[in-house]
């Protein structure tokens, strides 16, 4: 594989990057890497606090893949140890600590999903319990002695909680120190994260200096806005698109974003090159390409990326049939239920997974968002002993109901 000059690599790396600390430091590391023909160690720490990765995570993974394509290696550190503490970043209260079993179950699903973006041949996965579990009390004291409480309280989330007299547990101060120690343990050259992770990334630089290592470069990426167009993409906010979701669901969610949000998704969530993105957006601005068609192109690209082109074609055809032609999907979950004259629509929606609770079911029925066999219904709907029914909630959720 041809190794590009440091300046050429840097130009490619800088695309879509929010901040590099420091760019001169990165340039020097790249020059040394080219001269020694030695790949850089690119670190990403992930605490498996939830079982799914979403497109927001993939923004950072994409940049690591860029480094891999340039010949460098990725070390993904799954926080089986730090995950039990919980990252306080952005928290207004102490995070609930997970059990080791919960963390490891989530970590297993992370490993499956990471390689939808990263090159397995250039990726090493480590668990930080390998070294953090072995730290003696004296070593922990050494780590904590390198940083002051005053500096820790400069961190925005801690500062806000301190001003508002919200509790801050001592173990939360340990989190940035221990994840920073991860950089020491693997002698990282570069650490990646979203902009909100800057404090943690700089902690790695600080500890590497304290331990006599050359400090890593901190590289931050933009935060992807969720499908609601208001807040960052987050599973807890329900505005996310999971990389492991069904193709039809991914396609539908991409189509649901606003036209104003589409450029951000093109730049951060698709595989289109910068020049292609600018050309597509310019066509939209000139009126030569309808925003709906541009969004369909985007949805196809994202589905194909995580599930392959055949799945993207099927998802697109499903979307056209359901939304553009007013039809129903060719495939949907099937539930068999024993018929009775007292069969109630509200709990049935929850039982079949179309709603998360009976209260949500009632709310959606009141809002006119529930259909049976394509007809809007109310909560008093009665089921006859027919062969089957199609239950629909909103625009994308369908279930085939078979009454026995």
Protein backbone atom coordinates (compact mmCIF):
# COMPACT_ATOMS: atom_id res chain seq x y z
CA UNK A 1 0.00 0.00 0.00
CA UNK A 2 1.32 3.43 -0.97
CA UNK A 3 2.04 5.65 2.03
CA UNK A 4 0.98 9.24 1.47
CA UNK A 5 3.13 12.13 2.58
CA UNK A 6 2.28 13.64 5.98
CA UNK A 7 0.87 16.80 4.37
CA UNK A 8 -1.41 14.76 2.10
CA UNK A 9 -2.63 12.67 5.02
CA UNK A 10 -3.32 15.77 7.10
CA UNK A 11 -5.44 17.33 4.34
CA UNK A 12 -7.61 14.20 4.20
CA UNK A 13 -7.84 13.90 7.99
CA UNK A 14 -8.99 17.49 8.52
CA UNK A 15 -12.25 17.08 6.58
CA UNK A 16 -15.26 17.54 8.93
CA UNK A 17 -13.00 17.66 12.02
CA UNK A 18 -14.07 20.07 14.76
CA UNK A 19 -10.71 20.56 16.51
CA UNK A 20 -7.19 19.10 16.55
CA UNK A 21 -5.06 19.60 19.66
CA UNK A 22 -2.55 20.23 18.36
CA UNK A 23 -2.37 20.27 14.58
CA UNK A 24 1.40 20.78 14.69
CA UNK A 25 1.69 17.79 16.99
CA UNK A 26 -0.33 15.65 14.57
CA UNK A 27 1.81 16.77 11.65
CA UNK A 28 4.97 15.77 13.50
CA UNK A 29 3.54 12.36 14.40
CA UNK A 30 2.52 11.79 10.77
CA UNK A 31 5.97 12.77 9.50
CA UNK A 32 7.62 10.37 11.94
CA UNK A 33 5.17 7.63 11.00
CA UNK A 34 5.98 8.03 7.30
CA UNK A 35 9.74 8.12 7.92
CA UNK A 36 9.73 5.07 10.22
CA UNK A 37 6.96 3.27 8.29
CA UNK A 38 5.29 2.77 11.67
CA UNK A 39 1.49 3.22 11.95
CA UNK A 40 0.08 5.57 14.56
CA UNK A 41 -1.91 4.16 17.49
CA UNK A 42 -5.43 5.63 17.23
CA UNK A 43 -7.45 5.30 20.43
CA UNK A 44 -11.21 5.38 20.94
CA UNK A 45 -12.70 4.66 24.32
CA UNK A 46 -16.28 3.40 24.49
CA UNK A 47 -18.20 2.69 27.67
CA UNK A 48 -20.85 0.09 26.86
CA UNK A 49 -23.58 1.89 28.79
CA UNK A 50 -26.26 0.91 26.23
CA UNK A 51 -26.39 -2.06 23.83
CA UNK A 52 -26.60 -0.17 20.53
CA UNK A 53 -24.40 2.10 18.48
CA UNK A 54 -26.10 4.82 16.41
CA UNK A 55 -25.15 7.18 13.59
CA UNK A 56 -23.83 9.69 16.13
CA UNK A 57 -21.19 7.16 17.24
CA UNK A 58 -20.40 6.42 13.60
CA UNK A 59 -19.25 10.02 13.00
CA UNK A 60 -16.18 9.34 15.14
CA UNK A 61 -15.77 5.80 13.80
CA UNK A 62 -15.70 7.20 10.26
CA UNK A 63 -12.71 9.37 11.10
CA UNK A 64 -10.89 6.40 12.63
CA UNK A 65 -11.62 4.44 9.44
CA UNK A 66 -9.99 7.29 7.50
CA UNK A 67 -6.83 6.82 9.58
CA UNK A 68 -6.99 3.06 8.96
CA UNK A 69 -7.27 3.61 5.22
CA UNK A 70 -4.13 5.76 5.49
CA UNK A 71 -2.29 2.81 7.06
CA UNK A 72 -2.71 3.44 10.80
CA UNK A 73 -4.12 1.10 13.43
CA UNK A 74 -7.09 1.53 15.73
CA UNK A 75 -7.25 0.44 19.35
CA UNK A 76 -10.82 0.40 20.63
CA UNK A 77 -10.96 0.35 24.41
CA UNK A 78 -14.21 -0.99 25.77
CA UNK A 79 -14.69 0.33 29.28
CA UNK A 80 -15.67 -2.78 31.18
CA UNK A 81 -14.10 -1.07 34.24
CA UNK A 82 -14.89 2.63 33.65
CA UNK A 83 -18.35 1.69 32.39
CA UNK A 84 -19.19 0.61 35.92
CA UNK A 85 -18.38 4.15 37.10
CA UNK A 86 -20.18 5.97 34.28
CA UNK A 87 -19.00 8.99 32.32
CA UNK A 88 -20.26 12.17 34.06
CA UNK A 89 -20.00 14.19 30.82
CA UNK A 90 -23.17 16.18 30.28
CA UNK A 91 -24.81 14.78 33.39
CA UNK A 92 -26.89 16.89 35.76
CA UNK A 93 -26.85 14.10 38.34
CA UNK A 94 -24.79 11.07 39.30
CA UNK A 95 -25.11 8.35 36.66
CA UNK A 96 -26.52 5.00 37.75
CA UNK A 97 -23.70 2.48 37.98
CA UNK A 98 -24.02 -0.62 35.81
CA UNK A 99 -23.22 -4.14 36.92
CA UNK A 100 -20.33 -6.04 35.34
CA UNK A 101 -22.87 -8.36 33.67
CA UNK A 102 -24.72 -5.43 32.08
CA UNK A 103 -21.50 -3.85 30.82
CA UNK A 104 -20.19 -7.08 29.30
CA UNK A 105 -23.51 -7.87 27.61
CA UNK A 106 -23.46 -4.43 25.99
CA UNK A 107 -19.78 -4.82 25.07
CA UNK A 108 -20.50 -7.97 23.08
CA UNK A 109 -23.01 -6.15 20.88
CA UNK A 110 -20.56 -3.25 20.43
CA UNK A 111 -17.96 -5.57 18.98
CA UNK A 112 -20.43 -6.86 16.38
CA UNK A 113 -21.45 -3.36 15.32
CA UNK A 114 -18.01 -1.71 15.22
CA UNK A 115 -16.96 -3.64 12.15
CA UNK A 116 -19.82 -2.22 10.13
CA UNK A 117 -17.48 0.82 9.89
CA UNK A 118 -13.96 -0.20 10.97
CA UNK A 119 -11.47 -2.45 9.19
CA UNK A 120 -11.14 -5.64 11.30
CA UNK A 121 -7.61 -6.20 10.02
CA UNK A 122 -6.43 -2.88 11.47
CA UNK A 123 -8.49 -2.91 14.67
CA UNK A 124 -7.54 -4.19 18.10
CA UNK A 125 -10.16 -4.37 20.84
CA UNK A 126 -9.08 -4.16 24.47
CA UNK A 127 -10.94 -3.98 27.79
CA UNK A 128 -9.58 -1.42 30.24
CA UNK A 129 -10.19 -3.79 33.12
CA UNK A 130 -7.01 -5.52 31.87
CA UNK A 131 -4.92 -2.79 33.51
CA UNK A 132 -7.26 -0.81 35.75
CA UNK A 133 -8.24 -3.88 37.79
CA UNK A 134 -4.55 -4.40 38.56
CA UNK A 135 -3.77 -0.90 39.85
CA UNK A 136 -2.71 -0.95 43.50
CA UNK A 137 -3.98 1.69 45.92
CA UNK A 138 -0.59 3.43 45.80
CA UNK A 139 -0.80 3.59 42.00
CA UNK A 140 -4.33 5.02 42.16
CA UNK A 141 -3.07 7.67 44.60
CA UNK A 142 -0.25 8.52 42.20
CA UNK A 143 -2.78 9.04 39.37
CA UNK A 144 -5.08 11.19 41.51
CA UNK A 145 -2.19 13.26 42.86
CA UNK A 146 -1.48 14.65 39.39
CA UNK A 147 -4.71 16.69 39.26
CA UNK A 148 -6.38 19.13 41.63
CA UNK A 149 -10.00 19.35 42.75
CA UNK A 150 -10.05 23.00 41.63
CA UNK A 151 -9.11 21.99 38.07
CA UNK A 152 -11.67 19.19 38.11
CA UNK A 153 -14.39 21.65 39.12
CA UNK A 154 -13.55 23.78 36.06
CA UNK A 155 -15.21 21.06 34.04
CA UNK A 156 -18.58 22.48 32.97
CA UNK A 157 -20.88 19.69 34.14
CA UNK A 158 -19.17 19.51 37.54
CA UNK A 159 -19.16 23.31 37.84
CA UNK A 160 -22.90 23.53 37.19
CA UNK A 161 -23.72 20.81 39.68
CA UNK A 162 -21.44 22.39 42.28
CA UNK A 163 -23.09 25.82 41.86
CA UNK A 164 -26.55 24.28 42.13
CA UNK A 165 -25.61 22.22 45.22
CA UNK A 166 -26.17 18.96 43.34
CA UNK A 167 -24.22 15.97 44.71
CA UNK A 168 -20.92 15.02 43.08
CA UNK A 169 -19.58 11.67 44.17
CA UNK A 170 -15.84 11.15 44.62
CA UNK A 171 -15.89 8.22 42.20
CA UNK A 172 -17.04 10.60 39.42
CA UNK A 173 -13.74 12.49 39.75
CA UNK A 174 -11.99 9.19 39.12
CA UNK A 175 -13.65 8.65 35.76
CA UNK A 176 -11.69 11.16 33.62
CA UNK A 177 -8.48 10.17 35.39
CA UNK A 178 -8.94 6.46 34.75
CA UNK A 179 -9.98 6.84 31.13
CA UNK A 180 -6.98 9.16 30.72
CA UNK A 181 -4.81 6.42 32.18
CA UNK A 182 -6.03 4.21 29.32
CA UNK A 183 -3.95 6.39 26.99
CA UNK A 184 -0.89 5.75 29.16
CA UNK A 185 -1.56 1.99 29.17
CA UNK A 186 -1.52 1.74 25.37
CA UNK A 187 0.79 4.73 24.67
CA UNK A 188 -1.80 6.29 22.35
CA UNK A 189 -0.73 8.68 19.59
CA UNK A 190 -4.21 10.05 18.92
CA UNK A 191 -7.50 9.91 20.82
CA UNK A 192 -10.86 10.56 19.21
CA UNK A 193 -14.15 11.79 20.59
CA UNK A 194 -17.09 14.10 20.09
CA UNK A 195 -16.68 17.75 21.05
CA UNK A 196 -18.27 17.12 24.46
CA UNK A 197 -15.47 14.66 25.27
CA UNK A 198 -12.72 17.27 25.03
CA UNK A 199 -12.06 17.35 28.80
CA UNK A 200 -11.53 13.59 28.89
CA UNK A 201 -9.24 13.65 25.85
CA UNK A 202 -7.09 16.40 27.35
CA UNK A 203 -6.81 14.37 30.55
CA UNK A 204 -5.11 11.66 28.53
CA UNK A 205 -2.55 14.20 27.28
CA UNK A 206 -1.98 15.39 30.86
CA UNK A 207 -1.36 11.92 32.27
CA UNK A 208 0.92 10.89 29.43
CA UNK A 209 3.17 13.85 30.24
CA UNK A 210 3.13 12.86 33.93
CA UNK A 211 4.22 9.33 32.97
CA UNK A 212 6.98 10.50 30.61
CA UNK A 213 5.17 9.79 27.34
CA UNK A 214 4.71 12.06 24.36
CA UNK A 215 1.18 13.46 24.69
CA UNK A 216 -1.47 12.17 22.36
CA UNK A 217 -3.23 14.39 19.85
CA UNK A 218 -6.86 15.08 20.80
CA UNK A 219 -9.12 15.01 17.75
CA UNK A 220 -12.77 15.98 18.19
CA UNK A 221 -15.65 15.48 15.77
CA UNK A 222 -18.97 17.32 15.49
CA UNK A 223 -22.00 16.01 17.35
CA UNK A 224 -24.70 14.69 15.03
CA UNK A 225 -28.13 16.23 15.62
CA UNK A 226 -30.90 13.73 16.31
CA UNK A 227 -33.86 13.09 14.03
CA UNK A 228 -35.89 15.63 16.03
CA UNK A 229 -33.62 18.38 14.70
CA UNK A 230 -33.19 19.83 18.19
CA UNK A 231 -30.84 17.81 20.40
CA UNK A 232 -27.83 15.57 19.91
CA UNK A 233 -28.58 12.05 18.73
CA UNK A 234 -29.24 9.89 21.78
CA UNK A 235 -31.05 6.66 22.47
CA UNK A 236 -32.38 8.03 25.75
CA UNK A 237 -33.97 10.94 23.83
CA UNK A 238 -35.52 8.61 21.26
CA UNK A 239 -34.11 10.64 18.35
CA UNK A 240 -31.52 8.13 17.16
CA UNK A 241 -30.91 5.88 14.15
CA UNK A 242 -29.22 2.65 15.25
CA UNK A 243 -26.69 1.03 12.92
CA UNK A 244 -28.24 -2.37 13.71
CA UNK A 245 -31.85 -1.32 13.14
CA UNK A 246 -33.88 -2.94 10.39
CA UNK A 247 -33.26 -1.44 6.91
CA UNK A 248 -36.88 -0.31 6.60
CA UNK A 249 -36.66 1.48 9.95
CA UNK A 250 -33.36 3.22 9.08
CA UNK A 251 -34.73 4.31 5.69
CA UNK A 252 -37.93 5.66 7.24
CA UNK A 253 -36.11 7.55 9.98
CA UNK A 254 -33.77 9.22 7.50
CA UNK A 255 -36.76 10.26 5.40
CA UNK A 256 -38.34 11.78 8.52
CA UNK A 257 -35.58 14.34 9.11
CA UNK A 258 -36.19 17.94 8.07
CA UNK A 259 -34.84 19.37 4.82
CA UNK A 260 -32.74 21.76 6.92
CA UNK A 261 -31.04 18.83 8.67
CA UNK A 262 -30.28 16.93 5.46
CA UNK A 263 -26.92 18.63 4.67
CA UNK A 264 -25.56 17.69 8.11
CA UNK A 265 -26.51 14.03 7.58
CA UNK A 266 -24.98 14.04 4.10
CA UNK A 267 -21.68 15.35 5.49
CA UNK A 268 -21.49 13.34 8.71
CA UNK A 269 -23.53 10.15 8.25
CA UNK A 270 -23.16 9.13 4.59
CA UNK A 271 -20.31 7.67 2.54
CA UNK A 272 -20.51 10.40 -0.13
CA UNK A 273 -17.28 12.30 -0.75
CA UNK A 274 -17.16 16.01 0.02
CA UNK A 275 -17.33 16.97 -3.65
CA UNK A 276 -20.35 14.73 -4.24
CA UNK A 277 -22.14 16.19 -1.23
CA UNK A 278 -21.60 19.76 -2.40
CA UNK A 279 -22.83 18.88 -5.90
CA UNK A 280 -26.02 17.23 -4.57
CA UNK A 281 -26.77 20.12 -2.21
CA UNK A 282 -26.13 22.65 -4.97
CA UNK A 283 -28.62 20.79 -7.22
CA UNK A 284 -31.19 21.04 -4.41
CA UNK A 285 -30.51 24.76 -3.93
CA UNK A 286 -30.89 25.43 -7.67
CA UNK A 287 -34.18 23.52 -7.77
CA UNK A 288 -32.78 20.85 -10.12
CA UNK A 289 -33.19 18.12 -7.49
CA UNK A 290 -36.25 17.84 -5.25
CA UNK A 291 -35.34 17.69 -1.52
CA UNK A 292 -37.41 14.49 -1.22
CA UNK A 293 -35.35 12.80 -3.94
CA UNK A 294 -32.11 13.99 -2.35
CA UNK A 295 -33.28 12.58 0.96
CA UNK A 296 -34.14 9.25 -0.68
CA UNK A 297 -30.63 9.13 -2.12
CA UNK A 298 -29.27 9.78 1.37
CA UNK A 299 -31.50 7.13 2.98
CA UNK A 300 -30.46 4.55 0.36
CA UNK A 301 -26.76 5.32 0.98
CA UNK A 302 -27.04 4.94 4.77
CA UNK A 303 -29.03 1.69 4.59
CA UNK A 304 -26.63 0.24 2.00
CA UNK A 305 -23.70 1.12 4.20
CA UNK A 306 -24.91 -0.94 7.15
CA UNK A 307 -27.00 -3.63 5.44
CA UNK A 308 -25.89 -3.79 1.80
CA UNK A 309 -27.41 -2.60 -1.49
CA UNK A 310 -30.08 -5.36 -1.82
CA UNK A 311 -31.51 -4.39 1.58
CA UNK A 312 -31.41 -0.71 0.59
CA UNK A 313 -33.32 -1.43 -2.63
CA UNK A 314 -35.95 -3.39 -0.66
CA UNK A 315 -36.26 -0.61 1.94
CA UNK A 316 -36.67 1.99 -0.81
CA UNK A 317 -39.35 -0.03 -2.57
CA UNK A 318 -41.14 -0.50 0.76
CA UNK A 319 -41.03 3.26 1.35
CA UNK A 320 -42.46 4.00 -2.10
CA UNK A 321 -45.23 1.45 -1.65
CA UNK A 322 -46.23 2.63 1.83
CA UNK A 323 -45.71 6.40 1.64
CA UNK A 324 -45.89 7.37 -2.01
CA UNK A 325 -48.55 4.89 -3.15
CA UNK A 326 -50.46 4.61 0.14
CA UNK A 327 -49.89 0.86 0.34
CA UNK A 328 -48.70 -1.46 3.09
CA UNK A 329 -45.28 -3.12 3.42
CA UNK A 330 -44.71 -6.52 1.89
CA UNK A 331 -43.18 -7.86 5.09
CA UNK A 332 -44.07 -7.12 8.71
CA UNK A 333 -44.06 -8.87 12.11
CA UNK A 334 -46.89 -11.37 12.63
CA UNK A 335 -48.69 -12.01 15.92
CA UNK A 336 -51.21 -14.75 16.61
CA UNK A 337 -53.83 -13.89 19.24
CA UNK A 338 -56.78 -15.88 20.55
CA UNK A 339 -59.98 -14.16 19.46
CA UNK A 340 -62.65 -13.16 21.93
CA UNK A 341 -65.57 -10.73 21.63
CA UNK A 342 -63.94 -8.61 24.35
CA UNK A 343 -60.62 -8.19 22.53
CA UNK A 344 -59.44 -4.67 23.40
CA UNK A 345 -57.44 -2.59 20.90
CA UNK A 346 -55.48 -0.64 23.54
CA UNK A 347 -53.62 -3.53 25.27
CA UNK A 348 -53.38 -5.30 21.91
CA UNK A 349 -51.21 -2.48 20.53
CA UNK A 350 -48.87 -2.86 23.51
CA UNK A 351 -48.83 -6.67 23.36
CA UNK A 352 -47.83 -6.62 19.70
CA UNK A 353 -45.04 -4.09 20.37
CA UNK A 354 -46.59 -1.26 18.35
CA UNK A 355 -46.69 0.89 21.48
CA UNK A 356 -44.56 0.82 24.61
CA UNK A 357 -47.49 1.20 27.01
CA UNK A 358 -51.28 1.34 27.15
CA UNK A 359 -51.12 5.05 27.89
CA UNK A 360 -49.12 5.63 24.69
CA UNK A 361 -51.65 3.51 22.80
CA UNK A 362 -54.57 5.62 24.09
CA UNK A 363 -52.74 8.85 23.25
CA UNK A 364 -52.00 7.73 19.68
CA UNK A 365 -55.58 6.58 19.16
CA UNK A 366 -56.88 9.96 20.34
CA UNK A 367 -54.49 11.70 17.93
CA UNK A 368 -55.74 9.61 15.02
CA UNK A 369 -52.46 7.75 14.61
CA UNK A 370 -53.84 4.17 14.71
CA UNK A 371 -55.33 2.33 11.75
CA UNK A 372 -56.81 -1.14 11.29
CA UNK A 373 -56.81 -2.41 7.72
CA UNK A 374 -55.87 1.13 6.57
CA UNK A 375 -58.87 2.77 8.31
CA UNK A 376 -58.50 5.18 11.22
CA UNK A 377 -60.09 3.75 14.37
CA UNK A 378 -60.95 4.75 17.94
CA UNK A 379 -60.48 2.87 21.21
CA UNK A 380 -63.92 1.22 20.97
CA UNK A 381 -62.99 -0.68 17.80
CA UNK A 382 -64.31 -4.27 17.83
CA UNK A 383 -62.57 -7.16 16.11
CA UNK A 384 -64.66 -9.68 14.23
CA UNK A 385 -63.43 -13.24 13.99
CA UNK A 386 -61.68 -12.63 10.68
CA UNK A 387 -58.58 -14.37 9.37
CA UNK A 388 -56.21 -11.44 9.86
CA UNK A 389 -55.89 -7.70 10.35
CA UNK A 390 -53.19 -5.15 9.60
CA UNK A 391 -52.53 -2.90 12.59
CA UNK A 392 -50.73 0.37 11.83
CA UNK A 393 -49.32 2.98 14.22
CA UNK A 394 -48.00 6.18 12.69
CA UNK A 395 -46.42 5.94 9.25
CA UNK A 396 -43.87 3.19 9.71
CA UNK A 397 -45.07 0.63 12.25
CA UNK A 398 -47.13 -2.31 11.00
CA UNK A 399 -48.14 -5.67 12.46
CA UNK A 400 -50.12 -8.50 10.88
CA UNK A 401 -52.59 -9.80 13.46
CA UNK A 402 -53.93 -13.34 13.08
CA UNK A 403 -56.94 -14.19 15.26
CA UNK A 404 -57.26 -17.87 16.10
